[in-house]
Amino acid sequence: MTQIKKLLINTINPSIEARDLQTLQNKTGNIYESIAIIAKRANQINSKIKDELHRKLEEFGSLTDNLEEINENKEQIEISRFYERMANPAIQATNELLNDKIYHKSKEA
């Protein structure tokens, strides 16, 4: 696993936390715009994680596996647990917005 992904698990709290709406609003000037940016980034993160997970799990699948072999595959279970421990994409996107890691540009500008 890459060091960046390990840092994501260790640094971002996967629990839901109450956020100050004023802080989110100050990032863009409009709370709805901030939420829209978070939602778009969360969708990007989610699709990236989904593709990555499916790619990794495809390595373990074959057409001739029986049920016992599928249940005993330790590497597959470890990969799945790793992704389950990751923070929700919406939490990751909110964290990125609050830490100025998301570039956004207004259409009016």
Protein backbone atom coordinates (compact mmCIF):
# COMPACT_ATOMS: atom_id res chain seq x y z
CA MET A 1 0.00 0.00 0.00
CA THR A 2 1.19 3.45 -0.75
CA GLN A 3 2.28 5.81 1.98
CA ILE A 4 -0.35 8.37 0.94
CA LYS A 5 -3.19 5.92 1.51
CA LYS A 6 -1.80 4.91 4.87
CA LEU A 7 -1.69 8.59 5.80
CA LEU A 8 -5.33 8.99 4.75
CA ILE A 9 -6.35 6.30 7.17
CA ASN A 10 -4.24 7.65 10.02
CA THR A 11 -4.84 11.39 9.63
CA ILE A 12 -8.50 11.70 8.67
CA ASN A 13 -10.96 10.77 11.37
CA PRO A 14 -13.51 8.42 9.75
CA SER A 15 -16.17 9.46 12.23
CA ILE A 16 -18.70 12.09 11.31
CA GLU A 17 -18.04 15.42 13.00
CA ALA A 18 -20.16 18.53 13.25
CA ARG A 19 -18.72 21.30 11.08
CA ASP A 20 -19.09 25.03 11.44
CA LEU A 21 -21.17 26.20 8.48
CA GLN A 22 -19.60 29.65 8.65
CA THR A 23 -16.16 28.12 8.05
CA LEU A 24 -17.45 26.24 5.00
CA GLN A 25 -19.20 29.35 3.72
CA ASN A 26 -16.04 31.44 4.07
CA LYS A 27 -14.18 29.14 1.66
CA THR A 28 -16.35 30.13 -1.32
CA GLY A 29 -18.63 32.90 -0.10
CA ASN A 30 -21.71 30.71 -0.40
CA ILE A 31 -22.58 27.65 1.70
CA TYR A 32 -24.40 25.97 -1.20
CA GLU A 33 -21.43 26.41 -3.50
CA SER A 34 -19.15 24.92 -0.85
CA ILE A 35 -21.43 21.90 -0.47
CA ALA A 36 -21.62 21.47 -4.25
CA ILE A 37 -17.81 21.50 -4.47
CA ILE A 38 -17.58 18.94 -1.66
CA ALA A 39 -20.17 16.74 -3.39
CA LYS A 40 -18.35 16.84 -6.73
CA ARG A 41 -15.01 16.04 -5.12
CA ALA A 42 -16.58 13.23 -3.06
CA ASN A 43 -17.93 11.69 -6.28
CA GLN A 44 -14.44 11.87 -7.81
CA ILE A 45 -12.87 10.23 -4.77
CA ASN A 46 -15.58 7.57 -4.62
CA SER A 47 -15.22 6.57 -8.27
CA LYS A 48 -11.42 6.44 -7.96
CA ILE A 49 -11.61 4.23 -4.86
CA LYS A 50 -14.25 2.00 -6.45
CA ASP A 51 -12.18 1.45 -9.61
CA GLU A 52 -9.06 0.79 -7.57
CA LEU A 53 -10.82 -1.71 -5.30
CA HIS A 54 -12.40 -3.59 -8.19
CA ARG A 55 -9.04 -3.73 -9.98
CA LYS A 56 -7.35 -5.20 -6.92
CA LEU A 57 -10.12 -7.70 -6.20
CA GLU A 58 -10.21 -8.90 -9.83
CA GLU A 59 -6.78 -10.41 -9.29
CA PHE A 60 -8.30 -12.89 -6.85
CA GLY A 61 -11.34 -13.87 -8.86
CA SER A 62 -11.49 -16.78 -11.24
CA LEU A 63 -14.29 -18.78 -12.77
CA THR A 64 -13.21 -22.07 -11.19
CA ASP A 65 -13.11 -20.96 -7.55
CA ASN A 66 -15.35 -22.83 -5.21
CA LEU A 67 -17.02 -21.30 -2.19
CA GLU A 68 -14.40 -22.55 0.30
CA GLU A 69 -11.51 -20.95 -1.60
CA ILE A 70 -13.32 -17.62 -1.79
CA ASN A 71 -13.97 -17.52 1.96
CA GLU A 72 -10.37 -18.39 2.87
CA ASN A 73 -8.57 -15.80 0.78
CA LYS A 74 -6.76 -13.74 3.43
CA GLU A 75 -5.28 -11.14 1.04
CA GLN A 76 -8.70 -10.30 -0.34
CA ILE A 77 -10.10 -9.88 3.16
CA GLU A 78 -7.19 -7.61 4.14
CA ILE A 79 -7.69 -5.40 1.08
CA SER A 80 -11.40 -5.09 1.83
CA ARG A 81 -10.72 -4.18 5.46
CA PHE A 82 -8.22 -1.53 4.38
CA TYR A 83 -10.86 0.20 2.26
CA GLU A 84 -13.49 -0.14 4.99
CA ARG A 85 -11.21 1.73 7.44
CA MET A 86 -10.83 4.66 5.06
CA ALA A 87 -12.86 7.76 5.75
CA ASN A 88 -16.04 8.31 3.76
CA PRO A 89 -15.36 10.23 0.49
CA ALA A 90 -17.56 13.10 1.72
CA ILE A 91 -15.45 13.39 4.87
CA GLN A 92 -12.26 13.32 2.77
CA ALA A 93 -13.63 15.99 0.42
CA THR A 94 -14.69 18.23 3.32
CA ASN A 95 -11.25 17.87 4.85
CA GLU A 96 -9.63 18.80 1.51
CA LEU A 97 -11.81 21.91 1.17
CA LEU A 98 -11.07 23.07 4.71
CA ASN A 99 -7.32 22.54 4.18
CA ASP A 100 -7.35 24.38 0.81
CA LYS A 101 -6.41 21.27 -1.16
CA ILE A 102 -9.27 21.67 -3.67
CA TYR A 103 -8.95 24.08 -6.54
CA HIS A 104 -12.28 25.62 -7.51
CA LYS A 105 -13.13 28.40 -9.88
CA SER A 106 -16.36 30.39 -10.04
CA LYS A 107 -18.12 30.60 -13.41
CA GLU A 108 -18.75 34.33 -12.93
CA ALA A 109 -15.05 35.11 -12.64
